[in-house]
Amino acid sequence: SRSGGSTDYADVVKGRFTVSRDNAKSTVYLQMNSLKPE
C-alpha cells in the first residue's frame, strides 16, 4: 500500500517473497527467497 502498512501475497509466494518500499528513494523492492524453477 501507499503507506507501506499493508501488503498482500499470492499463495504461491507467501512466506518466500517480501515486498517493501522506500519512498525517499522512490524505489520498491521484492526480496525473493527459496526460489523454485516455477
PDB file of all heavy atoms in Angstrom:
ATOM      1  N   SER A   1       0.816  -1.207   0.000  1.00  0.00           N
ATOM      2  CA  SER A   1       0.000   0.000   0.000  1.00  0.00           C
ATOM      3  C   SER A   1       0.851   1.259   0.000  1.00  0.00           C
ATOM      4  O   SER A   1       2.067   1.217   0.200  1.00  0.00           O
ATOM      5  CB  SER A   1      -0.913  -0.002   1.226  1.00  0.00           C
ATOM      6  OG  SER A   1      -0.119   0.052   2.416  1.00  0.00           O
ATOM      7  N   ARG A   2       0.186   2.395  -0.206  1.00  0.00           N
ATOM      8  CA  ARG A   2       0.886   3.677  -0.203  1.00  0.00           C
ATOM      9  C   ARG A   2       1.643   3.898   1.098  1.00  0.00           C
ATOM     10  O   ARG A   2       2.777   4.376   1.104  1.00  0.00           O
ATOM     11  CB  ARG A   2      -0.106   4.828  -0.395  1.00  0.00           C
ATOM     12  CG  ARG A   2      -0.598   5.016  -1.804  1.00  0.00           C
ATOM     13  CD  ARG A   2      -1.307   6.344  -1.942  1.00  0.00           C
ATOM     14  NE  ARG A   2      -2.671   6.332  -1.465  1.00  0.00           N
ATOM     15  CZ  ARG A   2      -3.205   7.254  -0.666  1.00  0.00           C
ATOM     16  NH1 ARG A   2      -2.449   8.230  -0.199  1.00  0.00           N
ATOM     17  NH2 ARG A   2      -4.466   7.191  -0.332  1.00  0.00           N
ATOM     18  N   SER A   3       1.014   3.532   2.186  1.00  0.00           N
ATOM     19  CA  SER A   3       1.627   3.757   3.495  1.00  0.00           C
ATOM     20  C   SER A   3       2.733   2.761   3.798  1.00  0.00           C
ATOM     21  O   SER A   3       3.552   2.983   4.685  1.00  0.00           O
ATOM     22  CB  SER A   3       0.561   3.669   4.592  1.00  0.00           C
ATOM     23  OG  SER A   3       0.113   2.332   4.719  1.00  0.00           O
ATOM     24  N   GLY A   4       2.701   1.644   3.060  1.00  0.00           N
ATOM     25  CA  GLY A   4       3.630   0.568   3.375  1.00  0.00           C
ATOM     26  C   GLY A   4       3.124  -0.326   4.496  1.00  0.00           C
ATOM     27  O   GLY A   4       3.733  -1.338   4.811  1.00  0.00           O
ATOM     28  N   GLY A   5       1.980   0.047   5.069  1.00  0.00           N
ATOM     29  CA  GLY A   5       1.474  -0.700   6.202  1.00  0.00           C
ATOM     30  C   GLY A   5       0.711  -1.959   5.849  1.00  0.00           C
ATOM     31  O   GLY A   5       0.476  -2.811   6.709  1.00  0.00           O
ATOM     32  N   SER A   6       0.311  -2.064   4.595  1.00  0.00           N
ATOM     33  CA  SER A   6      -0.420  -3.256   4.160  1.00  0.00           C
ATOM     34  C   SER A   6       0.285  -3.897   2.976  1.00  0.00           C
ATOM     35  O   SER A   6       0.717  -3.203   2.060  1.00  0.00           O
ATOM     36  CB  SER A   6      -1.847  -2.879   3.738  1.00  0.00           C
ATOM     37  OG  SER A   6      -2.582  -2.406   4.833  1.00  0.00           O
ATOM     38  N   THR A   7       0.392  -5.200   3.042  1.00  0.00           N
ATOM     39  CA  THR A   7       0.966  -5.973   1.950  1.00  0.00           C
ATOM     40  C   THR A   7       0.068  -7.175   1.687  1.00  0.00           C
ATOM     41  O   THR A   7      -0.742  -7.566   2.535  1.00  0.00           O
ATOM     42  CB  THR A   7       2.387  -6.462   2.273  1.00  0.00           C
ATOM     43  OG1 THR A   7       2.339  -7.266   3.464  1.00  0.00           O
ATOM     44  CG2 THR A   7       3.351  -5.305   2.480  1.00  0.00           C
ATOM     45  N   ASP A   8       0.234  -7.740   0.522  1.00  0.00           N
ATOM     46  CA  ASP A   8      -0.525  -8.938   0.169  1.00  0.00           C
ATOM     47  C   ASP A   8       0.336  -9.805  -0.738  1.00  0.00           C
ATOM     48  O   ASP A   8       1.153  -9.279  -1.506  1.00  0.00           O
ATOM     49  CB  ASP A   8      -1.830  -8.557  -0.535  1.00  0.00           C
ATOM     50  CG  ASP A   8      -2.762  -9.750  -0.675  1.00  0.00           C
ATOM     51  OD1 ASP A   8      -2.777 -10.619   0.227  1.00  0.00           O
ATOM     52  OD2 ASP A   8      -3.482  -9.837  -1.686  1.00  0.00           O
ATOM     53  N   TYR A   9       0.126 -11.113  -0.632  1.00  0.00           N
ATOM     54  CA  TYR A   9       0.919 -12.051  -1.413  1.00  0.00           C
ATOM     55  C   TYR A   9       0.032 -13.147  -1.969  1.00  0.00           C
ATOM     56  O   TYR A   9      -0.906 -13.608  -1.310  1.00  0.00           O
ATOM     57  CB  TYR A   9       2.000 -12.699  -0.543  1.00  0.00           C
ATOM     58  CG  TYR A   9       2.995 -11.713   0.043  1.00  0.00           C
ATOM     59  CD1 TYR A   9       2.782 -11.136   1.281  1.00  0.00           C
ATOM     60  CD2 TYR A   9       4.140 -11.359  -0.668  1.00  0.00           C
ATOM     61  CE1 TYR A   9       3.680 -10.229   1.815  1.00  0.00           C
ATOM     62  CE2 TYR A   9       5.051 -10.457  -0.140  1.00  0.00           C
ATOM     63  CZ  TYR A   9       4.809  -9.891   1.099  1.00  0.00           C
ATOM     64  OH  TYR A   9       5.711  -8.996   1.627  1.00  0.00           O
ATOM     65  N   ALA A  10       0.379 -13.591  -3.160  1.00  0.00           N
ATOM     66  CA  ALA A  10      -0.260 -14.788  -3.690  1.00  0.00           C
ATOM     67  C   ALA A  10       0.219 -15.989  -2.885  1.00  0.00           C
ATOM     68  O   ALA A  10       1.347 -16.011  -2.392  1.00  0.00           O
ATOM     69  CB  ALA A  10       0.091 -14.951  -5.159  1.00  0.00           C
ATOM     70  N   ASP A  11      -0.620 -16.986  -2.794  1.00  0.00           N
ATOM     71  CA  ASP A  11      -0.270 -18.169  -2.014  1.00  0.00           C
ATOM     72  C   ASP A  11       1.021 -18.814  -2.502  1.00  0.00           C
ATOM     73  O   ASP A  11       1.785 -19.367  -1.699  1.00  0.00           O
ATOM     74  CB  ASP A  11      -1.413 -19.185  -2.068  1.00  0.00           C
ATOM     75  CG  ASP A  11      -2.612 -18.750  -1.246  1.00  0.00           C
ATOM     76  OD1 ASP A  11      -2.467 -17.844  -0.403  1.00  0.00           O
ATOM     77  OD2 ASP A  11      -3.700 -19.317  -1.458  1.00  0.00           O
ATOM     78  N   VAL A  12       1.265 -18.741  -3.792  1.00  0.00           N
ATOM     79  CA  VAL A  12       2.427 -19.431  -4.359  1.00  0.00           C
ATOM     80  C   VAL A  12       3.752 -18.801  -3.932  1.00  0.00           C
ATOM     81  O   VAL A  12       4.803 -19.426  -4.063  1.00  0.00           O
ATOM     82  CB  VAL A  12       2.363 -19.492  -5.902  1.00  0.00           C
ATOM     83  CG1 VAL A  12       1.240 -20.408  -6.346  1.00  0.00           C
ATOM     84  CG2 VAL A  12       2.234 -18.109  -6.504  1.00  0.00           C
ATOM     85  N   VAL A  13       3.718 -17.571  -3.413  1.00  0.00           N
ATOM     86  CA  VAL A  13       4.963 -16.922  -2.989  1.00  0.00           C
ATOM     87  C   VAL A  13       4.952 -16.570  -1.507  1.00  0.00           C
ATOM     88  O   VAL A  13       5.973 -16.139  -0.966  1.00  0.00           O
ATOM     89  CB  VAL A  13       5.259 -15.654  -3.814  1.00  0.00           C
ATOM     90  CG1 VAL A  13       5.287 -15.980  -5.301  1.00  0.00           C
ATOM     91  CG2 VAL A  13       4.260 -14.544  -3.517  1.00  0.00           C
ATOM     92  N   LYS A  14       3.834 -16.735  -0.857  1.00  0.00           N
ATOM     93  CA  LYS A  14       3.709 -16.350   0.546  1.00  0.00           C
ATOM     94  C   LYS A  14       4.735 -17.103   1.391  1.00  0.00           C
ATOM     95  O   LYS A  14       4.914 -18.311   1.250  1.00  0.00           O
ATOM     96  CB  LYS A  14       2.297 -16.637   1.024  1.00  0.00           C
ATOM     97  CG  LYS A  14       1.910 -15.945   2.324  1.00  0.00           C
ATOM     98  CD  LYS A  14       0.419 -16.132   2.599  1.00  0.00           C
ATOM     99  CE  LYS A  14      -0.440 -15.403   1.592  1.00  0.00           C
ATOM    100  NZ  LYS A  14      -1.887 -15.521   1.891  1.00  0.00           N
ATOM    101  N   GLY A  15       5.409 -16.358   2.252  1.00  0.00           N
ATOM    102  CA  GLY A  15       6.432 -16.953   3.097  1.00  0.00           C
ATOM    103  C   GLY A  15       7.798 -17.007   2.461  1.00  0.00           C
ATOM    104  O   GLY A  15       8.797 -17.278   3.143  1.00  0.00           O
ATOM    105  N   ARG A  16       7.875 -16.750   1.150  1.00  0.00           N
ATOM    106  CA  ARG A  16       9.171 -16.767   0.450  1.00  0.00           C
ATOM    107  C   ARG A  16       9.549 -15.392  -0.067  1.00  0.00           C
ATOM    108  O   ARG A  16      10.735 -15.058  -0.125  1.00  0.00           O
ATOM    109  CB  ARG A  16       9.116 -17.752  -0.725  1.00  0.00           C
ATOM    110  CG  ARG A  16       8.830 -19.179  -0.322  1.00  0.00           C
ATOM    111  CD  ARG A  16       8.980 -20.123  -1.506  1.00  0.00           C
ATOM    112  NE  ARG A  16       8.039 -19.850  -2.586  1.00  0.00           N
ATOM    113  CZ  ARG A  16       8.398 -19.592  -3.835  1.00  0.00           C
ATOM    114  NH1 ARG A  16       9.676 -19.551  -4.183  1.00  0.00           N
ATOM    115  NH2 ARG A  16       7.468 -19.367  -4.765  1.00  0.00           N
ATOM    116  N   PHE A  17       8.567 -14.608  -0.463  1.00  0.00           N
ATOM    117  CA  PHE A  17       8.815 -13.280  -1.040  1.00  0.00           C
ATOM    118  C   PHE A  17       8.392 -12.206  -0.042  1.00  0.00           C
ATOM    119  O   PHE A  17       7.414 -12.373   0.694  1.00  0.00           O
ATOM    120  CB  PHE A  17       8.015 -13.093  -2.328  1.00  0.00           C
ATOM    121  CG  PHE A  17       8.469 -13.928  -3.497  1.00  0.00           C
ATOM    122  CD1 PHE A  17       9.400 -14.949  -3.360  1.00  0.00           C
ATOM    123  CD2 PHE A  17       7.951 -13.671  -4.763  1.00  0.00           C
ATOM    124  CE1 PHE A  17       9.801 -15.710  -4.435  1.00  0.00           C
ATOM    125  CE2 PHE A  17       8.348 -14.423  -5.862  1.00  0.00           C
ATOM    126  CZ  PHE A  17       9.265 -15.451  -5.693  1.00  0.00           C
ATOM    127  N   THR A  18       9.113 -11.103  -0.063  1.00  0.00           N
ATOM    128  CA  THR A  18       8.787  -9.968   0.791  1.00  0.00           C
ATOM    129  C   THR A  18       8.870  -8.679  -0.011  1.00  0.00           C
ATOM    130  O   THR A  18       9.897  -8.415  -0.643  1.00  0.00           O
ATOM    131  CB  THR A  18       9.744  -9.877   1.985  1.00  0.00           C
ATOM    132  OG1 THR A  18       9.710 -11.096   2.724  1.00  0.00           O
ATOM    133  CG2 THR A  18       9.346  -8.729   2.907  1.00  0.00           C
ATOM    134  N   VAL A  19       7.810  -7.906   0.029  1.00  0.00           N
ATOM    135  CA  VAL A  19       7.776  -6.613  -0.663  1.00  0.00           C
ATOM    136  C   VAL A  19       8.020  -5.507   0.346  1.00  0.00           C
ATOM    137  O   VAL A  19       7.571  -5.580   1.505  1.00  0.00           O
ATOM    138  CB  VAL A  19       6.431  -6.410  -1.396  1.00  0.00           C
ATOM    139  CG1 VAL A  19       5.252  -6.407  -0.440  1.00  0.00           C
ATOM    140  CG2 VAL A  19       6.466  -5.149  -2.246  1.00  0.00           C
ATOM    141  N   SER A  20       8.743  -4.491  -0.089  1.00  0.00           N
ATOM    142  CA  SER A  20       8.992  -3.330   0.760  1.00  0.00           C
ATOM    143  C   SER A  20       9.144  -2.105  -0.121  1.00  0.00           C
ATOM    144  O   SER A  20       9.308  -2.220  -1.342  1.00  0.00           O
ATOM    145  CB  SER A  20      10.242  -3.537   1.624  1.00  0.00           C
ATOM    146  OG  SER A  20      11.387  -3.710   0.812  1.00  0.00           O
ATOM    147  N   ARG A  21       9.101  -0.940   0.503  1.00  0.00           N
ATOM    148  CA  ARG A  21       9.236   0.288  -0.273  1.00  0.00           C
ATOM    149  C   ARG A  21      10.035   1.310   0.507  1.00  0.00           C
ATOM    150  O   ARG A  21       9.991   1.337   1.753  1.00  0.00           O
ATOM    151  CB  ARG A  21       7.866   0.847  -0.648  1.00  0.00           C
ATOM    152  CG  ARG A  21       7.003   1.294   0.495  1.00  0.00           C
ATOM    153  CD  ARG A  21       5.579   1.624   0.007  1.00  0.00           C
ATOM    154  NE  ARG A  21       5.573   2.733  -0.925  1.00  0.00           N
ATOM    155  CZ  ARG A  21       4.589   2.982  -1.791  1.00  0.00           C
ATOM    156  NH1 ARG A  21       3.537   2.167  -1.852  1.00  0.00           N
ATOM    157  NH2 ARG A  21       4.638   4.020  -2.610  1.00  0.00           N
ATOM    158  N   ASP A  22      10.740   2.129  -0.234  1.00  0.00           N
ATOM    159  CA  ASP A  22      11.491   3.242   0.333  1.00  0.00           C
ATOM    160  C   ASP A  22      11.085   4.470  -0.465  1.00  0.00           C
ATOM    161  O   ASP A  22      11.652   4.736  -1.535  1.00  0.00           O
ATOM    162  CB  ASP A  22      12.991   2.983   0.242  1.00  0.00           C
ATOM    163  CG  ASP A  22      13.819   4.048   0.935  1.00  0.00           C
ATOM    164  OD1 ASP A  22      13.317   5.184   1.117  1.00  0.00           O
ATOM    165  OD2 ASP A  22      14.962   3.771   1.283  1.00  0.00           O
ATOM    166  N   ASN A  23      10.100   5.182   0.033  1.00  0.00           N
ATOM    167  CA  ASN A  23       9.587   6.331  -0.717  1.00  0.00           C
ATOM    168  C   ASN A  23      10.636   7.414  -0.896  1.00  0.00           C
ATOM    169  O   ASN A  23      10.646   8.120  -1.905  1.00  0.00           O
ATOM    170  CB  ASN A  23       8.356   6.907  -0.021  1.00  0.00           C
ATOM    171  CG  ASN A  23       7.144   6.008  -0.175  1.00  0.00           C
ATOM    172  OD1 ASN A  23       7.054   5.201  -1.098  1.00  0.00           O
ATOM    173  ND2 ASN A  23       6.199   6.127   0.746  1.00  0.00           N
ATOM    174  N   ALA A  24      11.533   7.554   0.060  1.00  0.00           N
ATOM    175  CA  ALA A  24      12.583   8.571  -0.048  1.00  0.00           C
ATOM    176  C   ALA A  24      13.495   8.291  -1.241  1.00  0.00           C
ATOM    177  O   ALA A  24      14.028   9.220  -1.853  1.00  0.00           O
ATOM    178  CB  ALA A  24      13.391   8.636   1.242  1.00  0.00           C
ATOM    179  N   LYS A  25      13.661   7.006  -1.551  1.00  0.00           N
ATOM    180  CA  LYS A  25      14.485   6.620  -2.688  1.00  0.00           C
ATOM    181  C   LYS A  25      13.648   6.330  -3.935  1.00  0.00           C
ATOM    182  O   LYS A  25      14.196   5.915  -4.961  1.00  0.00           O
ATOM    183  CB  LYS A  25      15.322   5.385  -2.340  1.00  0.00           C
ATOM    184  CG  LYS A  25      16.356   5.624  -1.258  1.00  0.00           C
ATOM    185  CD  LYS A  25      17.193   4.376  -1.021  1.00  0.00           C
ATOM    186  CE  LYS A  25      18.265   4.636   0.025  1.00  0.00           C
ATOM    187  NZ  LYS A  25      19.103   3.422   0.277  1.00  0.00           N
ATOM    188  N   SER A  26      12.340   6.512  -3.808  1.00  0.00           N
ATOM    189  CA  SER A  26      11.421   6.223  -4.922  1.00  0.00           C
ATOM    190  C   SER A  26      11.648   4.829  -5.484  1.00  0.00           C
ATOM    191  O   SER A  26      11.663   4.618  -6.706  1.00  0.00           O
ATOM    192  CB  SER A  26      11.591   7.273  -6.038  1.00  0.00           C
ATOM    193  OG  SER A  26      11.182   8.540  -5.599  1.00  0.00           O
ATOM    194  N   THR A  27      11.796   3.871  -4.591  1.00  0.00           N
ATOM    195  CA  THR A  27      12.115   2.511  -5.002  1.00  0.00           C
ATOM    196  C   THR A  27      11.306   1.511  -4.194  1.00  0.00           C
ATOM    197  O   THR A  27      11.082   1.702  -2.994  1.00  0.00           O
ATOM    198  CB  THR A  27      13.617   2.225  -4.832  1.00  0.00           C
ATOM    199  OG1 THR A  27      14.364   3.184  -5.574  1.00  0.00           O
ATOM    200  CG2 THR A  27      13.964   0.832  -5.332  1.00  0.00           C
ATOM    201  N   VAL A  28      10.884   0.486  -4.873  1.00  0.00           N
ATOM    202  CA  VAL A  28      10.176  -0.630  -4.254  1.00  0.00           C
ATOM    203  C   VAL A  28      11.001  -1.886  -4.506  1.00  0.00           C
ATOM    204  O   VAL A  28      11.634  -2.020  -5.550  1.00  0.00           O
ATOM    205  CB  VAL A  28       8.763  -0.786  -4.834  1.00  0.00           C
ATOM    206  CG1 VAL A  28       8.032  -1.943  -4.193  1.00  0.00           C
ATOM    207  CG2 VAL A  28       7.986   0.509  -4.654  1.00  0.00           C
ATOM    208  N   TYR A  29      10.976  -2.787  -3.541  1.00  0.00           N
ATOM    209  CA  TYR A  29      11.793  -3.989  -3.621  1.00  0.00           C
ATOM    210  C   TYR A  29      10.921  -5.236  -3.512  1.00  0.00           C
ATOM    211  O   TYR A  29       9.864  -5.231  -2.878  1.00  0.00           O
ATOM    212  CB  TYR A  29      12.813  -3.999  -2.482  1.00  0.00           C
ATOM    213  CG  TYR A  29      13.691  -2.771  -2.442  1.00  0.00           C
ATOM    214  CD1 TYR A  29      13.387  -1.712  -1.592  1.00  0.00           C
ATOM    215  CD2 TYR A  29      14.796  -2.663  -3.268  1.00  0.00           C
ATOM    216  CE1 TYR A  29      14.168  -0.574  -1.555  1.00  0.00           C
ATOM    217  CE2 TYR A  29      15.595  -1.522  -3.238  1.00  0.00           C
ATOM    218  CZ  TYR A  29      15.281  -0.486  -2.378  1.00  0.00           C
ATOM    219  OH  TYR A  29      16.066   0.637  -2.356  1.00  0.00           O
ATOM    220  N   LEU A  30      11.413  -6.296  -4.094  1.00  0.00           N
ATOM    221  CA  LEU A  30      10.809  -7.605  -3.911  1.00  0.00           C
ATOM    222  C   LEU A  30      11.949  -8.576  -3.603  1.00  0.00           C
ATOM    223  O   LEU A  30      12.739  -8.914  -4.476  1.00  0.00           O
ATOM    224  CB  LEU A  30      10.038  -8.059  -5.153  1.00  0.00           C
ATOM    225  CG  LEU A  30       9.282  -9.374  -4.985  1.00  0.00           C
ATOM    226  CD1 LEU A  30       8.131  -9.192  -3.996  1.00  0.00           C
ATOM    227  CD2 LEU A  30       8.755  -9.880  -6.323  1.00  0.00           C
ATOM    228  N   GLN A  31      12.042  -8.954  -2.340  1.00  0.00           N
ATOM    229  CA  GLN A  31      13.037  -9.937  -1.920  1.00  0.00           C
ATOM    230  C   GLN A  31      12.467 -11.325  -2.158  1.00  0.00           C
ATOM    231  O   GLN A  31      11.396 -11.658  -1.621  1.00  0.00           O
ATOM    232  CB  GLN A  31      13.377  -9.752  -0.444  1.00  0.00           C
ATOM    233  CG  GLN A  31      14.374 -10.752   0.095  1.00  0.00           C
ATOM    234  CD  GLN A  31      15.752 -10.597  -0.516  1.00  0.00           C
ATOM    235  OE1 GLN A  31      16.256  -9.484  -0.662  1.00  0.00           O
ATOM    236  NE2 GLN A  31      16.369 -11.720  -0.865  1.00  0.00           N
ATOM    237  N   MET A  32      13.168 -12.111  -2.938  1.00  0.00           N
ATOM    238  CA  MET A  32      12.684 -13.441  -3.300  1.00  0.00           C
ATOM    239  C   MET A  32      13.656 -14.484  -2.764  1.00  0.00           C
ATOM    240  O   MET A  32      14.822 -14.521  -3.178  1.00  0.00           O
ATOM    241  CB  MET A  32      12.558 -13.558  -4.823  1.00  0.00           C
ATOM    242  CG  MET A  32      11.698 -12.467  -5.440  1.00  0.00           C
ATOM    243  SD  MET A  32      11.359 -12.726  -7.197  1.00  0.00           S
ATOM    244  CE  MET A  32      13.017 -12.684  -7.874  1.00  0.00           C
ATOM    245  N   ASN A  33      13.186 -15.294  -1.849  1.00  0.00           N
ATOM    246  CA  ASN A  33      14.000 -16.350  -1.248  1.00  0.00           C
ATOM    247  C   ASN A  33      13.424 -17.716  -1.604  1.00  0.00           C
ATOM    248  O   ASN A  33      12.291 -17.831  -2.061  1.00  0.00           O
ATOM    249  CB  ASN A  33      14.032 -16.185   0.272  1.00  0.00           C
ATOM    250  CG  ASN A  33      14.657 -14.878   0.706  1.00  0.00           C
ATOM    251  OD1 ASN A  33      15.556 -14.344   0.040  1.00  0.00           O
ATOM    252  ND2 ASN A  33      14.192 -14.341   1.821  1.00  0.00           N
ATOM    253  N   SER A  34      14.215 -18.734  -1.362  1.00  0.00           N
ATOM    254  CA  SER A  34      13.782 -20.119  -1.602  1.00  0.00           C
ATOM    255  C   SER A  34      13.190 -20.268  -2.993  1.00  0.00           C
ATOM    256  O   SER A  34      12.110 -20.855  -3.173  1.00  0.00           O
ATOM    257  CB  SER A  34      12.760 -20.544  -0.533  1.00  0.00           C
ATOM    258  OG  SER A  34      13.304 -20.419   0.761  1.00  0.00           O
ATOM    259  N   LEU A  35      13.890 -19.759  -3.968  1.00  0.00           N
ATOM    260  CA  LEU A  35      13.379 -19.748  -5.336  1.00  0.00           C
ATOM    261  C   LEU A  35      13.224 -21.152  -5.888  1.00  0.00           C
ATOM    262  O   LEU A  35      13.997 -22.063  -5.561  1.00  0.00           O
ATOM    263  CB  LEU A  35      14.294 -18.916  -6.225  1.00  0.00           C
ATOM    264  CG  LEU A  35      14.148 -17.400  -6.037  1.00  0.00           C
ATOM    265  CD1 LEU A  35      15.338 -16.671  -6.649  1.00  0.00           C
ATOM    266  CD2 LEU A  35      12.850 -16.897  -6.641  1.00  0.00           C
ATOM    267  N   LYS A  36      12.212 -21.294  -6.729  1.00  0.00           N
ATOM    268  CA  LYS A  36      11.883 -22.564  -7.358  1.00  0.00           C
ATOM    269  C   LYS A  36      11.881 -22.368  -8.873  1.00  0.00           C
ATOM    270  O   LYS A  36      11.653 -21.247  -9.353  1.00  0.00           O
ATOM    271  CB  LYS A  36      10.495 -23.029  -6.912  1.00  0.00           C
ATOM    272  CG  LYS A  36      10.312 -23.110  -5.410  1.00  0.00           C
ATOM    273  CD  LYS A  36       8.867 -23.447  -5.080  1.00  0.00           C
ATOM    274  CE  LYS A  36       8.629 -23.503  -3.584  1.00  0.00           C
ATOM    275  NZ  LYS A  36       7.211 -23.841  -3.255  1.00  0.00           N
ATOM    276  N   PRO A  37      12.066 -23.434  -9.631  1.00  0.00           N
ATOM    277  CA  PRO A  37      12.005 -23.302 -11.096  1.00  0.00           C
ATOM    278  C   PRO A  37      10.682 -22.695 -11.581  1.00  0.00           C
ATOM    279  O   PRO A  37      10.666 -21.967 -12.575  1.00  0.00           O
ATOM    280  CB  PRO A  37      12.174 -24.748 -11.574  1.00  0.00           C
ATOM    281  CG  PRO A  37      12.996 -25.385 -10.504  1.00  0.00           C
ATOM    282  CD  PRO A  37      12.509 -24.769  -9.223  1.00  0.00           C
ATOM    283  N   GLU A  38       9.612 -22.965 -10.878  1.00  0.00           N
ATOM    284  CA  GLU A  38       8.311 -22.414 -11.278  1.00  0.00           C
ATOM    285  C   GLU A  38       8.196 -20.909 -11.032  1.00  0.00           C
ATOM    286  O   GLU A  38       7.210 -20.291 -11.442  1.00  0.00           O
ATOM    287  CB  GLU A  38       7.161 -23.138 -10.580  1.00  0.00           C
ATOM    288  CG  GLU A  38       7.297 -23.278  -9.099  1.00  0.00           C
ATOM    289  CD  GLU A  38       7.887 -24.623  -8.692  1.00  0.00           C
ATOM    290  OE1 GLU A  38       8.877 -25.056  -9.316  1.00  0.00           O
ATOM    291  OE2 GLU A  38       7.370 -25.226  -7.721  1.00  0.00           O
TER     292      GLU A  38
END
